[in-house]
């Protein structure tokens, strides 16, 4: 397909046409997309934004950009693979200043009860509310509502049990909030015990 045909199709579909860029300009465009995004972007989404560039090329550009940022120790941020996508994140030593800037309120933090409920869901998923209640020994209705409001858990199906209870899992927002690439990065029980 010619450049003109591609631009014609994009104009019909209401998508602003983009120029095809060279390698260095493409890397800068990827950087710009990551810079303005408040959520992780996967390679296919970036490729689409760059005018349907090949995903493999975008993957290579992301890796080059990650290495470049890593080599520049003076930068206060880095490129990290989170929840199946890539995001520019602040280095941990600057977290206190970022929190202070946004004046995070204590009410936005997860209470101990919410953290315990979320931990059970994260490590035992998929689970029903009854499964979590049997582990915690108390009602978790309020905790489940709060965790769903914060989009940290989601309904992932219906159990084939009497009453057809909902099955819950952690969400992509959970991975983003805790800076995890996947659930495989959750600390093991041994690691958790050494943290205490």
Foldseek 3Di string as FASTA:
>chain_A
DDLVVLCVVCVVVVHHRDDQDDLVVLLVQLVVVQVPDPDFDALQRSCVVNSNDDSVSSVVSLVVQQVVQVVPVVDQWGWAQWQNGIHIDGPPVCVVVVCVVVVDDPVPDDDPLLVLLLVCQLVVPFDFQVVSCVVVVDRCVVSVVVCVVVQQKDFDAFDPDVVRTTTMHGDSVVRVVVVHNDSVPPDDPVVVVVVD
